[in-house]
C-alpha atoms as a PDB file:
ATOM      1  CA  MET A   1    -129.878 -84.538-149.121  1.00  0.00           C
ATOM      2  CA  ALA A   2    -126.614 -84.790-146.961  1.00  0.00           C
ATOM      3  CA  PRO A   3    -124.381 -81.850-146.547  1.00  0.00           C
ATOM      4  CA  VAL A   4    -121.284 -82.007-148.575  1.00  0.00           C
ATOM      5  CA  PRO A   5    -118.123 -80.300-147.656  1.00  0.00           C
ATOM      6  CA  VAL A   6    -117.426 -76.792-149.523  1.00  0.00           C
ATOM      7  CA  LYS A   7    -114.411 -77.379-151.928  1.00  0.00           C
ATOM      8  CA  GLY A   8    -113.747 -73.605-151.931  1.00  0.00           C
ATOM      9  CA  PRO A   9    -115.028 -70.161-153.073  1.00  0.00           C
ATOM     10  CA  PRO A  10    -116.179 -69.935-156.804  1.00  0.00           C
ATOM     11  CA  ALA A  11    -114.221 -67.877-159.270  1.00  0.00           C
ATOM     12  CA  ASP A  12    -115.363 -64.518-160.185  1.00  0.00           C
ATOM     13  CA  ASP A  13    -116.476 -65.680-163.774  1.00  0.00           C
ATOM     14  CA  ALA A  14    -118.034 -68.820-162.529  1.00  0.00           C
ATOM     15  CA  PRO A  15    -121.714 -69.381-163.811  1.00  0.00           C
ATOM     16  CA  HIS A  16    -124.127 -67.322-161.719  1.00  0.00           C
ATOM     17  CA  LEU A  17    -127.181 -69.098-160.624  1.00  0.00           C
ATOM     18  CA  LEU A  18    -130.492 -67.983-159.064  1.00  0.00           C
ATOM     19  CA  LEU A  19    -131.977 -70.313-156.374  1.00  0.00           C
ATOM     20  CA  VAL A  20    -135.576 -69.686-155.761  1.00  0.00           C
ATOM     21  CA  ASP A  21    -137.287 -71.775-153.004  1.00  0.00           C
ATOM     22  CA  ASP A  22    -139.514 -70.945-150.103  1.00  0.00           C
ATOM     23  CA  ASP A  23    -137.716 -73.666-147.878  1.00  0.00           C
ATOM     24  CA  ARG A  24    -134.867 -71.795-146.262  1.00  0.00           C
ATOM     25  CA  ARG A  25    -133.293 -75.135-145.144  1.00  0.00           C
ATOM     26  CA  ILE A  26    -133.144 -76.369-148.956  1.00  0.00           C
ATOM     27  CA  ARG A  27    -131.857 -72.661-150.007  1.00  0.00           C
ATOM     28  CA  ASP A  28    -129.053 -72.957-147.544  1.00  0.00           C
ATOM     29  CA  LEU A  29    -127.979 -76.478-148.203  1.00  0.00           C
ATOM     30  CA  LEU A  30    -128.093 -76.079-152.002  1.00  0.00           C
ATOM     31  CA  SER A  31    -126.505 -72.760-151.740  1.00  0.00           C
ATOM     32  CA  ARG A  32    -123.443 -74.151-149.665  1.00  0.00           C
ATOM     33  CA  TYR A  33    -123.342 -77.213-152.072  1.00  0.00           C
ATOM     34  CA  LEU A  34    -123.373 -75.470-155.244  1.00  0.00           C
ATOM     35  CA  SER A  35    -120.909 -72.833-154.028  1.00  0.00           C
ATOM     36  CA  GLY A  36    -118.477 -75.808-153.426  1.00  0.00           C
ATOM     37  CA  GLU A  37    -119.131 -76.985-156.945  1.00  0.00           C
ATOM     38  CA  GLY A  38    -117.966 -73.905-158.321  1.00  0.00           C
ATOM     39  CA  TYR A  39    -121.011 -71.951-159.049  1.00  0.00           C
ATOM     40  CA  ARG A  40    -121.933 -68.250-157.811  1.00  0.00           C
ATOM     41  CA  ILE A  41    -125.365 -68.613-156.020  1.00  0.00           C
ATOM     42  CA  THR A  42    -127.892 -65.791-155.415  1.00  0.00           C
ATOM     43  CA  THR A  43    -131.093 -67.046-153.778  1.00  0.00           C
ATOM     44  CA  ALA A  44    -134.513 -65.852-153.433  1.00  0.00           C
ATOM     45  CA  GLU A  45    -137.394 -67.029-151.239  1.00  0.00           C
ATOM     46  CA  THR A  46    -140.145 -65.777-153.425  1.00  0.00           C
ATOM     47  CA  ALA A  47    -140.849 -65.230-157.169  1.00  0.00           C
ATOM     48  CA  ALA A  48    -141.446 -61.364-156.235  1.00  0.00           C
ATOM     49  CA  VAL A  49    -137.622 -61.395-154.524  1.00  0.00           C
ATOM     50  CA  ALA A  50    -136.486 -63.252-157.592  1.00  0.00           C
ATOM     51  CA  ARG A  51    -137.891 -60.857-159.963  1.00  0.00           C
ATOM     52  CA  ALA A  52    -136.302 -57.653-158.208  1.00  0.00           C
ATOM     53  CA  LYS A  53    -132.847 -59.508-158.357  1.00  0.00           C
ATOM     54  CA  LEU A  54    -133.082 -60.275-162.069  1.00  0.00           C
ATOM     55  CA  ALA A  55    -133.766 -56.744-162.606  1.00  0.00           C
ATOM     56  CA  SER A  56    -130.470 -55.674-161.372  1.00  0.00           C
ATOM     57  CA  LEU A  57    -128.247 -59.031-161.810  1.00  0.00           C
ATOM     58  CA  SER A  58    -127.676 -61.411-164.809  1.00  0.00           C
ATOM     59  CA  PHE A  59    -127.893 -65.097-164.232  1.00  0.00           C
ATOM     60  CA  ASP A  60    -126.868 -68.053-166.380  1.00  0.00           C
ATOM     61  CA  LEU A  61    -129.207 -70.442-164.960  1.00  0.00           C
ATOM     62  CA  LEU A  62    -132.668 -70.063-162.811  1.00  0.00           C
ATOM     63  CA  ILE A  63    -133.458 -73.071-160.415  1.00  0.00           C
ATOM     64  CA  LEU A  64    -137.235 -72.593-159.520  1.00  0.00           C
ATOM     65  CA  ASP A  65    -139.397 -74.579-157.068  1.00  0.00           C
ATOM     66  CA  VAL A  66    -142.670 -75.007-158.169  1.00  0.00           C
ATOM     67  CA  MET A  67    -144.796 -75.015-155.032  1.00  0.00           C
ATOM     68  CA  MET A  68    -144.033 -71.445-153.700  1.00  0.00           C
ATOM     69  CA  PRO A  69    -146.890 -69.370-151.870  1.00  0.00           C
ATOM     70  CA  GLY A  70    -148.100 -66.670-153.935  1.00  0.00           C
ATOM     71  CA  GLU A  71    -146.894 -66.742-157.593  1.00  0.00           C
ATOM     72  CA  THR A  72    -145.788 -70.363-158.295  1.00  0.00           C
ATOM     73  CA  GLY A  73    -142.738 -71.558-160.004  1.00  0.00           C
ATOM     74  CA  PHE A  74    -144.983 -72.284-163.250  1.00  0.00           C
ATOM     75  CA  GLU A  75    -146.320 -69.132-163.230  1.00  0.00           C
ATOM     76  CA  PHE A  76    -142.849 -67.171-162.676  1.00  0.00           C
ATOM     77  CA  ALA A  77    -141.353 -69.566-165.427  1.00  0.00           C
ATOM     78  CA  ARG A  78    -144.062 -68.553-167.719  1.00  0.00           C
ATOM     79  CA  SER A  79    -143.555 -64.718-167.079  1.00  0.00           C
ATOM     80  CA  ILE A  80    -139.850 -65.174-167.592  1.00  0.00           C
ATOM     81  CA  ARG A  81    -140.249 -67.019-170.913  1.00  0.00           C
ATOM     82  CA  ASP A  82    -142.086 -63.906-172.126  1.00  0.00           C
ATOM     83  CA  THR A  83    -138.854 -61.922-172.118  1.00  0.00           C
ATOM     84  CA  SER A  84    -135.883 -64.195-171.754  1.00  0.00           C
ATOM     85  CA  THR A  85    -134.307 -67.251-172.838  1.00  0.00           C
ATOM     86  CA  VAL A  86    -132.390 -67.804-169.773  1.00  0.00           C
ATOM     87  CA  PRO A  87    -132.103 -71.406-168.891  1.00  0.00           C
ATOM     88  CA  ILE A  88    -134.535 -72.625-166.313  1.00  0.00           C
ATOM     89  CA  LEU A  89    -134.618 -75.772-163.951  1.00  0.00           C
ATOM     90  CA  MET A  90    -137.746 -76.777-162.116  1.00  0.00           C
ATOM     91  CA  LEU A  91    -137.204 -77.985-158.659  1.00  0.00           C
ATOM     92  CA  THR A  92    -140.564 -79.636-157.133  1.00  0.00           C
ATOM     93  CA  ALA A  93    -141.727 -82.248-154.728  1.00  0.00           C
ATOM     94  CA  ARG A  94    -144.184 -83.227-157.504  1.00  0.00           C
ATOM     95  CA  ASP A  95    -143.279 -86.057-159.668  1.00  0.00           C
ATOM     96  CA  GLU A  96    -146.264 -86.677-161.601  1.00  0.00           C
ATOM     97  CA  ALA A  97    -145.914 -86.841-165.528  1.00  0.00           C
ATOM     98  CA  GLU A  98    -148.329 -84.197-165.988  1.00  0.00           C
ATOM     99  CA  SER A  99    -146.333 -81.634-164.053  1.00  0.00           C
ATOM    100  CA  ARG A 100    -143.168 -82.371-165.501  1.00  0.00           C
ATOM    101  CA  ILE A 101    -144.738 -81.944-169.116  1.00  0.00           C
ATOM    102  CA  ALA A 102    -146.343 -78.549-167.835  1.00  0.00           C
ATOM    103  CA  GLY A 103    -142.943 -77.256-166.795  1.00  0.00           C
ATOM    104  CA  LEU A 104    -141.286 -78.463-169.997  1.00  0.00           C
ATOM    105  CA  GLU A 105    -143.874 -77.001-172.036  1.00  0.00           C
ATOM    106  CA  ILE A 106    -143.821 -73.577-170.362  1.00  0.00           C
ATOM    107  CA  GLY A 107    -140.121 -73.556-171.438  1.00  0.00           C
ATOM    108  CA  ALA A 108    -138.292 -74.941-168.612  1.00  0.00           C
ATOM    109  CA  ASP A 109    -134.886 -76.836-169.760  1.00  0.00           C
ATOM    110  CA  ASP A 110    -135.248 -79.629-167.158  1.00  0.00           C
ATOM    111  CA  TYR A 111    -137.230 -80.890-164.184  1.00  0.00           C
ATOM    112  CA  VAL A 112    -135.837 -82.412-161.134  1.00  0.00           C
ATOM    113  CA  ALA A 113    -138.149 -84.023-158.398  1.00  0.00           C
ATOM    114  CA  LYS A 114    -137.486 -83.759-154.700  1.00  0.00           C
ATOM    115  CA  PRO A 115    -136.073 -85.673-152.682  1.00  0.00           C
ATOM    116  CA  PHE A 116    -132.981 -85.536-154.836  1.00  0.00           C
ATOM    117  CA  GLU A 117    -129.104 -86.173-154.468  1.00  0.00           C
ATOM    118  CA  PRO A 118    -127.370 -82.801-154.782  1.00  0.00           C
ATOM    119  CA  ARG A 119    -124.733 -84.482-156.918  1.00  0.00           C
ATOM    120  CA  GLU A 120    -127.626 -85.255-159.634  1.00  0.00           C
ATOM    121  CA  LEU A 121    -128.514 -81.488-159.449  1.00  0.00           C
ATOM    122  CA  SER A 122    -125.219 -80.403-160.105  1.00  0.00           C
ATOM    123  CA  LEU A 123    -124.826 -82.825-162.984  1.00  0.00           C
ATOM    124  CA  ARG A 124    -128.255 -81.385-164.605  1.00  0.00           C
ATOM    125  CA  ILE A 125    -127.183 -77.931-164.017  1.00  0.00           C
ATOM    126  CA  ALA A 126    -123.834 -78.655-165.942  1.00  0.00           C
ATOM    127  CA  GLY A 127    -125.835 -80.405-168.731  1.00  0.00           C
ATOM    128  CA  ILE A 128    -127.929 -77.197-169.126  1.00  0.00           C
ATOM    129  CA  LEU A 129    -125.175 -74.889-169.282  1.00  0.00           C
ATOM    130  CA  ARG A 130    -123.062 -76.739-171.773  1.00  0.00           C
ATOM    131  CA  ARG A 131    -126.306 -76.913-174.087  1.00  0.00           C
ATOM    132  CA  ALA A 132    -126.855 -73.425-173.700  1.00  0.00           C
ATOM    133  CA  ARG A 133    -123.235 -72.251-174.278  1.00  0.00           C
ATOM    134  CA  PRO A 134    -123.014 -70.667-177.610  1.00  0.00           C
ATOM    135  CA  ALA A 135    -120.904 -72.752-180.115  1.00  0.00           C
ATOM    136  CA  LYS A 136    -117.664 -71.224-181.315  1.00  0.00           C
ATOM    137  CA  PRO A 137    -117.706 -70.037-184.771  1.00  0.00           C
ATOM    138  CA  VAL A 138    -115.792 -72.129-187.000  1.00  0.00           C
ATOM    139  CA  GLN A 139    -112.736 -70.381-188.404  1.00  0.00           C
ATOM    140  CA  PRO A 140    -112.028 -71.655-191.981  1.00  0.00           C
ATOM    141  CA  THR A 141    -108.528 -72.776-192.483  1.00  0.00           C
ATOM    142  CA  THR A 142    -106.803 -72.178-195.495  1.00  0.00           C
ATOM    143  CA  LEU A 143    -103.607 -74.312-196.359  1.00  0.00           C
ATOM    144  CA  ARG A 144    -101.265 -73.653-199.477  1.00  0.00           C
ATOM    145  CA  PHE A 145     -99.059 -76.114-201.406  1.00  0.00           C
ATOM    146  CA  GLY A 146     -97.357 -74.900-204.332  1.00  0.00           C
ATOM    147  CA  GLU A 147     -99.900 -72.848-206.476  1.00  0.00           C
ATOM    148  CA  PHE A 148    -102.752 -74.683-204.811  1.00  0.00           C
ATOM    149  CA  VAL A 149    -105.157 -73.242-201.970  1.00  0.00           C
ATOM    150  CA  PHE A 150    -107.325 -75.785-200.131  1.00  0.00           C
ATOM    151  CA  HIS A 151    -109.960 -74.144-197.992  1.00  0.00           C
ATOM    152  CA  THR A 152    -110.746 -76.975-195.444  1.00  0.00           C
ATOM    153  CA  GLY A 153    -113.857 -75.393-193.905  1.00  0.00           C
ATOM    154  CA  ARG A 154    -115.610 -75.761-197.231  1.00  0.00           C
ATOM    155  CA  GLY A 155    -113.483 -78.598-198.993  1.00  0.00           C
ATOM    156  CA  GLU A 156    -112.577 -76.431-201.870  1.00  0.00           C
ATOM    157  CA  LEU A 157    -109.457 -76.621-203.690  1.00  0.00           C
ATOM    158  CA  ARG A 158    -108.282 -73.838-205.939  1.00  0.00           C
ATOM    159  CA  ARG A 159    -105.400 -72.919-208.269  1.00  0.00           C
ATOM    160  CA  GLY A 160    -105.878 -69.277-208.766  1.00  0.00           C
ATOM    161  CA  ASP A 161    -109.263 -68.503-209.641  1.00  0.00           C
ATOM    162  CA  GLU A 162    -109.779 -71.991-210.857  1.00  0.00           C
ATOM    163  CA  VAL A 163    -111.819 -74.519-208.720  1.00  0.00           C
ATOM    164  CA  ILE A 164    -110.226 -78.071-208.847  1.00  0.00           C
ATOM    165  CA  HIS A 165    -112.982 -80.674-209.142  1.00  0.00           C
ATOM    166  CA  LEU A 166    -112.642 -83.069-206.391  1.00  0.00           C
ATOM    167  CA  THR A 167    -114.431 -86.203-205.776  1.00  0.00           C
ATOM    168  CA  ASP A 168    -116.205 -86.824-202.326  1.00  0.00           C
ATOM    169  CA  ARG A 169    -113.426 -89.457-201.516  1.00  0.00           C
ATOM    170  CA  GLU A 170    -110.675 -87.235-202.499  1.00  0.00           C
ATOM    171  CA  ARG A 171    -112.114 -84.226-200.655  1.00  0.00           C
ATOM    172  CA  GLU A 172    -112.133 -86.524-197.584  1.00  0.00           C
ATOM    173  CA  MET A 173    -108.739 -87.725-197.728  1.00  0.00           C
ATOM    174  CA  LEU A 174    -107.372 -84.263-198.656  1.00  0.00           C
ATOM    175  CA  CYS A 175    -109.421 -82.972-195.494  1.00  0.00           C
ATOM    176  CA  ALA A 176    -107.870 -85.730-193.347  1.00  0.00           C
ATOM    177  CA  LEU A 177    -104.342 -85.083-194.590  1.00  0.00           C
ATOM    178  CA  ALA A 178    -104.712 -81.297-194.273  1.00  0.00           C
ATOM    179  CA  ALA A 179    -105.878 -81.739-190.509  1.00  0.00           C
ATOM    180  CA  CYS A 180    -102.420 -82.558-189.720  1.00  0.00           C
ATOM    181  CA  PRO A 181    -100.097 -81.130-192.290  1.00  0.00           C
ATOM    182  CA  GLY A 182     -96.573 -82.581-192.540  1.00  0.00           C
ATOM    183  CA  GLU A 183     -97.849 -85.659-190.270  1.00  0.00           C
ATOM    184  CA  THR A 184     -98.413 -89.108-191.338  1.00  0.00           C
ATOM    185  CA  VAL A 185    -101.857 -90.269-191.954  1.00  0.00           C
ATOM    186  CA  SER A 186    -102.439 -93.923-192.068  1.00  0.00           C
ATOM    187  CA  ARG A 187    -104.022 -95.647-194.935  1.00  0.00           C
ATOM    188  CA  ALA A 188    -106.693 -96.952-192.446  1.00  0.00           C
ATOM    189  CA  ALA A 189    -107.342 -93.566-191.193  1.00  0.00           C
ATOM    190  CA  LEU A 190    -107.808 -92.368-194.870  1.00  0.00           C
ATOM    191  CA  ALA A 191    -110.014 -95.222-195.714  1.00  0.00           C
ATOM    192  CA  GLY A 192    -112.607 -93.554-193.362  1.00  0.00           C
ATOM    193  CA  ASN A 193    -115.478 -95.662-191.576  1.00  0.00           C
ATOM    194  CA  SER A 194    -116.591 -97.201-194.793  1.00  0.00           C
ATOM    195  CA  GLY A 195    -116.091-100.966-194.667  1.00  0.00           C
ATOM    196  CA  SER A 196    -116.228-100.882-198.816  1.00  0.00           C
ATOM    197  CA  ILE A 197    -113.050 -98.780-198.735  1.00  0.00           C
ATOM    198  CA  ASN A 198    -109.800-100.817-198.270  1.00  0.00           C
ATOM    199  CA  GLU A 199    -106.312 -99.678-198.044  1.00  0.00           C
ATOM    200  CA  ARG A 200    -105.208-100.779-201.731  1.00  0.00           C
ATOM    201  CA  ALA A 201    -108.509 -98.558-202.832  1.00  0.00           C
ATOM    202  CA  VAL A 202    -107.048 -95.653-200.747  1.00  0.00           C
ATOM    203  CA  ASP A 203    -103.573 -95.996-202.866  1.00  0.00           C
ATOM    204  CA  VAL A 204    -105.553 -95.953-206.205  1.00  0.00           C
ATOM    205  CA  GLN A 205    -107.508 -92.689-204.985  1.00  0.00           C
ATOM    206  CA  ILE A 206    -104.257 -90.995-203.757  1.00  0.00           C
ATOM    207  CA  ASN A 207    -102.863 -91.590-207.217  1.00  0.00           C
ATOM    208  CA  ARG A 208    -105.947 -89.955-208.701  1.00  0.00           C
ATOM    209  CA  LEU A 209    -105.573 -87.095-206.373  1.00  0.00           C
ATOM    210  CA  ARG A 210    -102.085 -86.480-207.222  1.00  0.00           C
ATOM    211  CA  ARG A 211    -102.605 -86.341-210.912  1.00  0.00           C
ATOM    212  CA  LYS A 212    -104.691 -83.111-210.078  1.00  0.00           C
ATOM    213  CA  ILE A 213    -102.138 -81.448-208.054  1.00  0.00           C
ATOM    214  CA  GLU A 214     -98.596 -82.737-208.810  1.00  0.00           C
ATOM    215  CA  ARG A 215     -96.559 -81.742-211.922  1.00  0.00           C
ATOM    216  CA  ASP A 216     -94.941 -85.290-211.822  1.00  0.00           C
ATOM    217  CA  PRO A 217     -97.299 -87.854-209.880  1.00  0.00           C
ATOM    218  CA  THR A 218     -94.715 -90.428-210.002  1.00  0.00           C
ATOM    219  CA  ASN A 219     -92.201 -87.872-207.808  1.00  0.00           C
ATOM    220  CA  PRO A 220     -94.750 -86.306-205.826  1.00  0.00           C
ATOM    221  CA  LEU A 221     -93.945 -82.905-203.727  1.00  0.00           C
ATOM    222  CA  PHE A 222     -97.284 -82.483-201.920  1.00  0.00           C
ATOM    223  CA  VAL A 223     -98.735 -85.902-201.049  1.00  0.00           C
ATOM    224  CA  GLN A 224     -96.046 -87.865-200.178  1.00  0.00           C
ATOM    225  CA  THR A 225     -95.899 -91.588-199.301  1.00  0.00           C
ATOM    226  CA  VAL A 226     -94.602 -92.793-196.041  1.00  0.00           C
ATOM    227  CA  ARG A 227     -93.634 -96.192-196.918  1.00  0.00           C
ATOM    228  CA  GLY A 228     -95.707 -98.948-194.943  1.00  0.00           C
ATOM    229  CA  ILE A 229     -97.666 -96.578-193.143  1.00  0.00           C
ATOM    230  CA  GLY A 230     -99.657 -94.094-195.352  1.00  0.00           C
ATOM    231  CA  TYR A 231     -99.437 -90.415-196.673  1.00  0.00           C
ATOM    232  CA  ARG A 232     -98.384 -87.013-195.459  1.00  0.00           C
ATOM    233  CA  LEU A 233     -99.299 -83.733-196.998  1.00  0.00           C
ATOM    234  CA  MET A 234     -96.354 -81.263-197.327  1.00  0.00           C
ATOM    235  CA  ILE A 235     -97.388 -77.543-197.486  1.00  0.00           C
ATOM    236  CA  SER A 236     -95.769 -74.204-198.248  1.00  0.00           C
ATOM    237  CA  PRO A 237     -93.955 -72.331-195.117  1.00  0.00           C
END
């Protein structure tokens, strides 16, 4: 593992990693490298020291060496999993399949065998943190046009208290139009990924949708034709 120039100090809100390895050289090298990659790094030479730091600090990911004197990385990971779901990456010189399986069964999120490239470790860390990041809740979007309200999150069209029945294709097309109100959506985009739906069929289905929402389907106010391209949904300000 060759040293890599440090890119700059990590931000105060950067992910905080706890690196546990009894090899001081590896601790120093990875600490410098990962700090340069933008992570905050705390190190520990034994599981006992790491446990003390976990008692007072919060970490986004643990990097544990397996072959440590005293309490091994496997034993430490097992004890951590009894009380915490913090992501764990196992770091070891042992590359046997049995060791990898044992670490994953304990609850480790990934397993990297020495020797390794620091860049690979950084990419593995980024992947674990991305998967561990809580998904943002989807905020339902409501669009109003005329006397209609379309709830895009659940694909429901209402007129007052009345739910307007939509076919699956009508719902898909209305969702596509509602995703960019006022903008033109091509016929090809409205056809979706189904090879059985051609652009002429889109025109037919749009006409059916208009009959459900337009007072005069031949002179539409909401689902307007953009000649030669597609359609656009005009909503209330």
